């Protein structure tokens, strides 16, 4: 079993935020380490660093903790492309780096998938459960303590940096009455509606 207390303190912080340790979290941690080093930036107090993530997996929590990129600050951009790919941008000098996960050598992916199927089917033995945790722990350890560049394809990119977050007026929706940002509302027959009402999706 992986001993979290023996891992770097910043990864332990990621675990506390995320709720548990897992390979997915370690992928985001390692990717963020690359971004920090390549762009020579620190954790973003405001919007100094922007992260564009192409998945909504555990990895994104590692990015949030290490780089300070969050939806609330407007410097975390989600693209639902299902790829463990991360683009980090520095507002200070306009530089960007794209970090694409390509896997961890010596981690038995096929065996882990087979064990996961057994676990999900409820047929895994105690020994197989133990092996599953051992393999996940090994992958996590490799990502957290190894050279992160060994697991990713990394290249500098030129990407238009999203504008900084702005405060826009909020007004009641013409149907449900809930306040919504005017920049996100839909106008119909001279009235403004939240997108949920405009698309018939508001309600339990």
C-alpha atoms as a PDB file:
ATOM      1  CA  UNK A   1       0.000   0.000   0.000  1.00  0.00           C
ATOM      2  CA  UNK A   2       1.304   3.442  -0.956  1.00  0.00           C
ATOM      3  CA  UNK A   3       2.413   5.508   2.051  1.00  0.00           C
ATOM      4  CA  UNK A   4       1.195   9.017   1.250  1.00  0.00           C
ATOM      5  CA  UNK A   5       3.083  10.519   4.173  1.00  0.00           C
ATOM      6  CA  UNK A   6       6.368   9.708   2.434  1.00  0.00           C
ATOM      7  CA  UNK A   7       5.438  11.547  -0.752  1.00  0.00           C
ATOM      8  CA  UNK A   8       6.141  15.255  -1.447  1.00  0.00           C
ATOM      9  CA  UNK A   9       4.155  17.679   0.689  1.00  0.00           C
ATOM     10  CA  UNK A  10       2.578  19.393  -2.321  1.00  0.00           C
ATOM     11  CA  UNK A  11       1.205  16.050  -3.533  1.00  0.00           C
ATOM     12  CA  UNK A  12      -0.149  15.428  -0.041  1.00  0.00           C
ATOM     13  CA  UNK A  13      -1.936  18.769  -0.376  1.00  0.00           C
ATOM     14  CA  UNK A  14      -3.454  17.557  -3.650  1.00  0.00           C
ATOM     15  CA  UNK A  15      -4.653  14.385  -1.909  1.00  0.00           C
ATOM     16  CA  UNK A  16      -6.284  16.401   0.882  1.00  0.00           C
ATOM     17  CA  UNK A  17      -8.101  18.542  -1.678  1.00  0.00           C
ATOM     18  CA  UNK A  18      -9.120  15.622  -3.887  1.00  0.00           C
ATOM     19  CA  UNK A  19     -10.043  13.230  -1.077  1.00  0.00           C
ATOM     20  CA  UNK A  20      -7.817  10.294  -1.990  1.00  0.00           C
ATOM     21  CA  UNK A  21      -4.646   9.343  -3.824  1.00  0.00           C
ATOM     22  CA  UNK A  22      -4.927   7.832  -7.302  1.00  0.00           C
ATOM     23  CA  UNK A  23      -3.011   7.672 -10.600  1.00  0.00           C
ATOM     24  CA  UNK A  24      -5.338  10.238 -12.166  1.00  0.00           C
ATOM     25  CA  UNK A  25      -4.509  12.817  -9.528  1.00  0.00           C
ATOM     26  CA  UNK A  26      -0.815  12.033  -9.999  1.00  0.00           C
ATOM     27  CA  UNK A  27      -1.128  12.684 -13.755  1.00  0.00           C
ATOM     28  CA  UNK A  28      -2.418  16.196 -13.099  1.00  0.00           C
ATOM     29  CA  UNK A  29       0.244  16.751 -10.444  1.00  0.00           C
ATOM     30  CA  UNK A  30       3.036  15.757 -12.824  1.00  0.00           C
ATOM     31  CA  UNK A  31       1.582  17.797 -15.696  1.00  0.00           C
ATOM     32  CA  UNK A  32       1.331  20.873 -13.474  1.00  0.00           C
ATOM     33  CA  UNK A  33       4.948  20.389 -12.388  1.00  0.00           C
ATOM     34  CA  UNK A  34       5.980  20.524 -16.036  1.00  0.00           C
ATOM     35  CA  UNK A  35       3.921  23.666 -16.589  1.00  0.00           C
ATOM     36  CA  UNK A  36       5.477  25.349 -13.568  1.00  0.00           C
ATOM     37  CA  UNK A  37       9.005  24.533 -14.692  1.00  0.00           C
ATOM     38  CA  UNK A  38       8.538  25.259 -18.397  1.00  0.00           C
ATOM     39  CA  UNK A  39       6.894  28.650 -17.901  1.00  0.00           C
ATOM     40  CA  UNK A  40       8.891  29.536 -14.774  1.00  0.00           C
ATOM     41  CA  UNK A  41       5.746  30.454 -12.866  1.00  0.00           C
ATOM     42  CA  UNK A  42       4.468  29.976  -9.350  1.00  0.00           C
ATOM     43  CA  UNK A  43       0.984  29.164  -8.098  1.00  0.00           C
ATOM     44  CA  UNK A  44      -1.448  31.687  -9.520  1.00  0.00           C
ATOM     45  CA  UNK A  45      -2.791  34.034  -6.851  1.00  0.00           C
ATOM     46  CA  UNK A  46      -5.182  35.588  -9.348  1.00  0.00           C
ATOM     47  CA  UNK A  47      -5.225  34.869 -13.088  1.00  0.00           C
ATOM     48  CA  UNK A  48      -1.506  35.015 -13.845  1.00  0.00           C
ATOM     49  CA  UNK A  49      -1.534  31.413 -15.100  1.00  0.00           C
ATOM     50  CA  UNK A  50      -4.258  29.902 -17.293  1.00  0.00           C
ATOM     51  CA  UNK A  51      -4.854  26.160 -17.638  1.00  0.00           C
ATOM     52  CA  UNK A  52      -6.794  24.660 -20.539  1.00  0.00           C
ATOM     53  CA  UNK A  53      -7.716  21.074 -19.648  1.00  0.00           C
ATOM     54  CA  UNK A  54      -9.119  18.575 -22.133  1.00  0.00           C
ATOM     55  CA  UNK A  55     -10.761  16.280 -19.557  1.00  0.00           C
ATOM     56  CA  UNK A  56     -12.740  16.499 -16.325  1.00  0.00           C
ATOM     57  CA  UNK A  57     -10.886  13.679 -14.563  1.00  0.00           C
ATOM     58  CA  UNK A  58      -9.113  13.483 -11.210  1.00  0.00           C
ATOM     59  CA  UNK A  59      -6.077  15.039 -12.881  1.00  0.00           C
ATOM     60  CA  UNK A  60      -7.669  18.478 -12.962  1.00  0.00           C
ATOM     61  CA  UNK A  61      -7.667  18.670  -9.158  1.00  0.00           C
ATOM     62  CA  UNK A  62      -3.885  18.359  -9.192  1.00  0.00           C
ATOM     63  CA  UNK A  63      -3.721  21.275 -11.617  1.00  0.00           C
ATOM     64  CA  UNK A  64      -6.006  23.385  -9.444  1.00  0.00           C
ATOM     65  CA  UNK A  65      -3.947  22.843  -6.312  1.00  0.00           C
ATOM     66  CA  UNK A  66      -0.483  23.309  -7.799  1.00  0.00           C
ATOM     67  CA  UNK A  67      -1.203  26.126 -10.249  1.00  0.00           C
ATOM     68  CA  UNK A  68      -4.139  27.884  -8.606  1.00  0.00           C
ATOM     69  CA  UNK A  69      -6.253  27.621 -11.748  1.00  0.00           C
ATOM     70  CA  UNK A  70      -9.967  27.457 -10.884  1.00  0.00           C
ATOM     71  CA  UNK A  71     -13.344  28.079 -12.458  1.00  0.00           C
ATOM     72  CA  UNK A  72     -14.030  30.680  -9.780  1.00  0.00           C
ATOM     73  CA  UNK A  73     -11.080  32.809 -10.878  1.00  0.00           C
ATOM     74  CA  UNK A  74     -11.751  32.253 -14.558  1.00  0.00           C
ATOM     75  CA  UNK A  75      -8.317  30.823 -15.320  1.00  0.00           C
ATOM     76  CA  UNK A  76      -9.400  27.195 -15.730  1.00  0.00           C
ATOM     77  CA  UNK A  77     -10.823  26.395 -19.170  1.00  0.00           C
ATOM     78  CA  UNK A  78     -12.505  23.016 -19.758  1.00  0.00           C
ATOM     79  CA  UNK A  79     -12.673  21.394 -23.174  1.00  0.00           C
ATOM     80  CA  UNK A  80     -14.605  18.142 -23.154  1.00  0.00           C
ATOM     81  CA  UNK A  81     -12.288  16.215 -25.468  1.00  0.00           C
ATOM     82  CA  UNK A  82     -11.564  13.219 -23.231  1.00  0.00           C
ATOM     83  CA  UNK A  83      -7.780  13.603 -23.481  1.00  0.00           C
ATOM     84  CA  UNK A  84      -5.193  13.770 -20.709  1.00  0.00           C
ATOM     85  CA  UNK A  85      -3.804  16.907 -22.277  1.00  0.00           C
ATOM     86  CA  UNK A  86      -3.124  20.201 -20.532  1.00  0.00           C
ATOM     87  CA  UNK A  87      -2.128  23.574 -21.951  1.00  0.00           C
ATOM     88  CA  UNK A  88      -0.625  26.075 -19.536  1.00  0.00           C
ATOM     89  CA  UNK A  89      -0.340  29.759 -20.398  1.00  0.00           C
ATOM     90  CA  UNK A  90       1.457  32.646 -18.711  1.00  0.00           C
ATOM     91  CA  UNK A  91      -0.207  36.045 -18.950  1.00  0.00           C
ATOM     92  CA  UNK A  92       3.089  37.690 -17.970  1.00  0.00           C
ATOM     93  CA  UNK A  93       4.964  36.869 -21.167  1.00  0.00           C
ATOM     94  CA  UNK A  94       2.349  35.150 -23.347  1.00  0.00           C
ATOM     95  CA  UNK A  95       4.200  31.836 -23.415  1.00  0.00           C
ATOM     96  CA  UNK A  96       2.378  28.530 -23.510  1.00  0.00           C
ATOM     97  CA  UNK A  97       3.194  24.854 -23.142  1.00  0.00           C
ATOM     98  CA  UNK A  98       1.096  21.844 -24.172  1.00  0.00           C
ATOM     99  CA  UNK A  99       1.544  18.730 -22.016  1.00  0.00           C
ATOM    100  CA  UNK A 100       0.105  15.438 -23.329  1.00  0.00           C
ATOM    101  CA  UNK A 101       0.195  12.292 -21.192  1.00  0.00           C
ATOM    102  CA  UNK A 102       1.513   9.251 -23.052  1.00  0.00           C
ATOM    103  CA  UNK A 103       1.547   6.673 -20.238  1.00  0.00           C
ATOM    104  CA  UNK A 104       3.869   5.173 -17.665  1.00  0.00           C
ATOM    105  CA  UNK A 105       6.289   2.460 -18.705  1.00  0.00           C
ATOM    106  CA  UNK A 106       6.490  -0.720 -16.641  1.00  0.00           C
ATOM    107  CA  UNK A 107       2.925  -0.257 -15.374  1.00  0.00           C
ATOM    108  CA  UNK A 108       0.850  -3.249 -16.439  1.00  0.00           C
ATOM    109  CA  UNK A 109      -2.112  -1.449 -17.997  1.00  0.00           C
ATOM    110  CA  UNK A 110      -3.625  -4.649 -19.358  1.00  0.00           C
ATOM    111  CA  UNK A 111      -3.487  -6.331 -15.958  1.00  0.00           C
ATOM    112  CA  UNK A 112      -4.961  -3.273 -14.241  1.00  0.00           C
ATOM    113  CA  UNK A 113      -7.846  -3.195 -16.705  1.00  0.00           C
ATOM    114  CA  UNK A 114      -8.545  -6.897 -16.155  1.00  0.00           C
ATOM    115  CA  UNK A 115      -8.531  -6.428 -12.398  1.00  0.00           C
ATOM    116  CA  UNK A 116     -10.803  -3.409 -12.646  1.00  0.00           C
ATOM    117  CA  UNK A 117     -13.341  -5.423 -14.631  1.00  0.00           C
ATOM    118  CA  UNK A 118     -13.349  -8.100 -11.934  1.00  0.00           C
ATOM    119  CA  UNK A 119     -13.733  -5.510  -9.185  1.00  0.00           C
ATOM    120  CA  UNK A 120     -16.631  -3.811 -10.963  1.00  0.00           C
ATOM    121  CA  UNK A 121     -18.285  -7.203 -11.525  1.00  0.00           C
ATOM    122  CA  UNK A 122     -17.828  -8.103  -7.860  1.00  0.00           C
ATOM    123  CA  UNK A 123     -15.787 -11.219  -8.668  1.00  0.00           C
ATOM    124  CA  UNK A 124     -12.335 -10.063  -7.539  1.00  0.00           C
ATOM    125  CA  UNK A 125     -10.655 -12.104  -4.810  1.00  0.00           C
ATOM    126  CA  UNK A 126      -8.980 -10.414  -1.814  1.00  0.00           C
ATOM    127  CA  UNK A 127      -5.628 -11.182  -3.436  1.00  0.00           C
ATOM    128  CA  UNK A 128      -6.715  -9.502  -6.680  1.00  0.00           C
ATOM    129  CA  UNK A 129      -7.968  -6.473  -4.775  1.00  0.00           C
ATOM    130  CA  UNK A 130      -4.596  -6.210  -3.101  1.00  0.00           C
ATOM    131  CA  UNK A 131      -2.819  -6.522  -6.452  1.00  0.00           C
ATOM    132  CA  UNK A 132      -5.050  -3.806  -7.898  1.00  0.00           C
ATOM    133  CA  UNK A 133      -4.115  -1.376  -5.133  1.00  0.00           C
ATOM    134  CA  UNK A 134      -0.457  -2.320  -5.488  1.00  0.00           C
ATOM    135  CA  UNK A 135      -0.437  -1.563  -9.228  1.00  0.00           C
ATOM    136  CA  UNK A 136      -2.259   1.740  -8.743  1.00  0.00           C
ATOM    137  CA  UNK A 137       0.129   2.685  -5.977  1.00  0.00           C
ATOM    138  CA  UNK A 138       3.144   1.916  -8.179  1.00  0.00           C
ATOM    139  CA  UNK A 139       1.827   4.049 -11.005  1.00  0.00           C
ATOM    140  CA  UNK A 140       1.096   6.913  -8.628  1.00  0.00           C
ATOM    141  CA  UNK A 141       4.561   6.664  -7.091  1.00  0.00           C
ATOM    142  CA  UNK A 142       6.238   6.657 -10.504  1.00  0.00           C
ATOM    143  CA  UNK A 143       4.376   9.792 -11.573  1.00  0.00           C
ATOM    144  CA  UNK A 144       4.906  11.703  -8.349  1.00  0.00           C
ATOM    145  CA  UNK A 145       8.561  10.893  -7.715  1.00  0.00           C
ATOM    146  CA  UNK A 146       9.919  10.331 -11.217  1.00  0.00           C
ATOM    147  CA  UNK A 147      10.939  12.843 -13.859  1.00  0.00           C
ATOM    148  CA  UNK A 148       7.542  14.133 -15.086  1.00  0.00           C
ATOM    149  CA  UNK A 149       8.852  14.805 -18.582  1.00  0.00           C
ATOM    150  CA  UNK A 150       9.357  11.048 -19.005  1.00  0.00           C
ATOM    151  CA  UNK A 151       5.585  10.506 -19.116  1.00  0.00           C
ATOM    152  CA  UNK A 152       4.455  13.366 -21.345  1.00  0.00           C
ATOM    153  CA  UNK A 153       4.955  14.864 -24.762  1.00  0.00           C
ATOM    154  CA  UNK A 154       5.779  18.517 -24.130  1.00  0.00           C
ATOM    155  CA  UNK A 155       5.946  21.348 -26.644  1.00  0.00           C
ATOM    156  CA  UNK A 156       5.737  25.095 -26.565  1.00  0.00           C
ATOM    157  CA  UNK A 157       2.621  26.509 -28.235  1.00  0.00           C
ATOM    158  CA  UNK A 158       1.224  29.868 -29.209  1.00  0.00           C
ATOM    159  CA  UNK A 159      -2.368  30.125 -28.039  1.00  0.00           C
ATOM    160  CA  UNK A 160      -4.599  33.170 -27.733  1.00  0.00           C
ATOM    161  CA  UNK A 161      -4.903  33.708 -23.997  1.00  0.00           C
ATOM    162  CA  UNK A 162      -8.523  34.012 -22.838  1.00  0.00           C
ATOM    163  CA  UNK A 163      -9.481  37.467 -21.551  1.00  0.00           C
ATOM    164  CA  UNK A 164      -9.449  38.004 -17.817  1.00  0.00           C
ATOM    165  CA  UNK A 165     -12.709  37.443 -15.981  1.00  0.00           C
ATOM    166  CA  UNK A 166     -15.067  40.409 -15.983  1.00  0.00           C
ATOM    167  CA  UNK A 167     -18.026  41.260 -13.784  1.00  0.00           C
ATOM    168  CA  UNK A 168     -21.251  41.578 -15.768  1.00  0.00           C
ATOM    169  CA  UNK A 169     -24.753  42.514 -14.606  1.00  0.00           C
ATOM    170  CA  UNK A 170     -27.152  39.823 -13.419  1.00  0.00           C
ATOM    171  CA  UNK A 171     -30.891  40.111 -13.886  1.00  0.00           C
ATOM    172  CA  UNK A 172     -33.864  37.850 -13.122  1.00  0.00           C
ATOM    173  CA  UNK A 173     -34.759  35.310 -15.778  1.00  0.00           C
ATOM    174  CA  UNK A 174     -38.027  36.142 -17.539  1.00  0.00           C
ATOM    175  CA  UNK A 175     -39.390  32.686 -16.713  1.00  0.00           C
ATOM    176  CA  UNK A 176     -37.943  31.185 -13.520  1.00  0.00           C
ATOM    177  CA  UNK A 177     -36.988  34.467 -11.891  1.00  0.00           C
ATOM    178  CA  UNK A 178     -33.507  33.253 -10.907  1.00  0.00           C
ATOM    179  CA  UNK A 179     -30.726  35.794 -11.362  1.00  0.00           C
ATOM    180  CA  UNK A 180     -28.391  35.069 -14.270  1.00  0.00           C
ATOM    181  CA  UNK A 181     -25.447  36.786 -15.942  1.00  0.00           C
ATOM    182  CA  UNK A 182     -26.710  38.836 -18.873  1.00  0.00           C
ATOM    183  CA  UNK A 183     -23.772  37.645 -20.969  1.00  0.00           C
ATOM    184  CA  UNK A 184     -25.101  34.084 -20.700  1.00  0.00           C
ATOM    185  CA  UNK A 185     -28.790  34.771 -21.251  1.00  0.00           C
ATOM    186  CA  UNK A 186     -30.941  34.305 -24.345  1.00  0.00           C
ATOM    187  CA  UNK A 187     -33.249  37.024 -25.620  1.00  0.00           C
ATOM    188  CA  UNK A 188     -36.708  35.999 -26.830  1.00  0.00           C
ATOM    189  CA  UNK A 189     -39.549  38.369 -27.676  1.00  0.00           C
ATOM    190  CA  UNK A 190     -37.782  41.212 -25.942  1.00  0.00           C
ATOM    191  CA  UNK A 191     -37.213  39.302 -22.694  1.00  0.00           C
ATOM    192  CA  UNK A 192     -34.074  37.730 -21.277  1.00  0.00           C
ATOM    193  CA  UNK A 193     -34.139  34.065 -20.276  1.00  0.00           C
ATOM    194  CA  UNK A 194     -31.521  31.913 -18.594  1.00  0.00           C
ATOM    195  CA  UNK A 195     -30.245  29.161 -20.860  1.00  0.00           C
ATOM    196  CA  UNK A 196     -31.966  26.504 -18.782  1.00  0.00           C
ATOM    197  CA  UNK A 197     -35.385  28.029 -19.394  1.00  0.00           C
ATOM    198  CA  UNK A 198     -34.575  28.898 -23.004  1.00  0.00           C
ATOM    199  CA  UNK A 199     -33.727  25.257 -23.622  1.00  0.00           C
ATOM    200  CA  UNK A 200     -36.485  23.844 -21.419  1.00  0.00           C
ATOM    201  CA  UNK A 201     -34.065  22.321 -18.908  1.00  0.00           C
ATOM    202  CA  UNK A 202     -34.852  24.216 -15.695  1.00  0.00           C
ATOM    203  CA  UNK A 203     -36.597  22.289 -12.962  1.00  0.00           C
ATOM    204  CA  UNK A 204     -36.064  19.183 -10.818  1.00  0.00           C
END
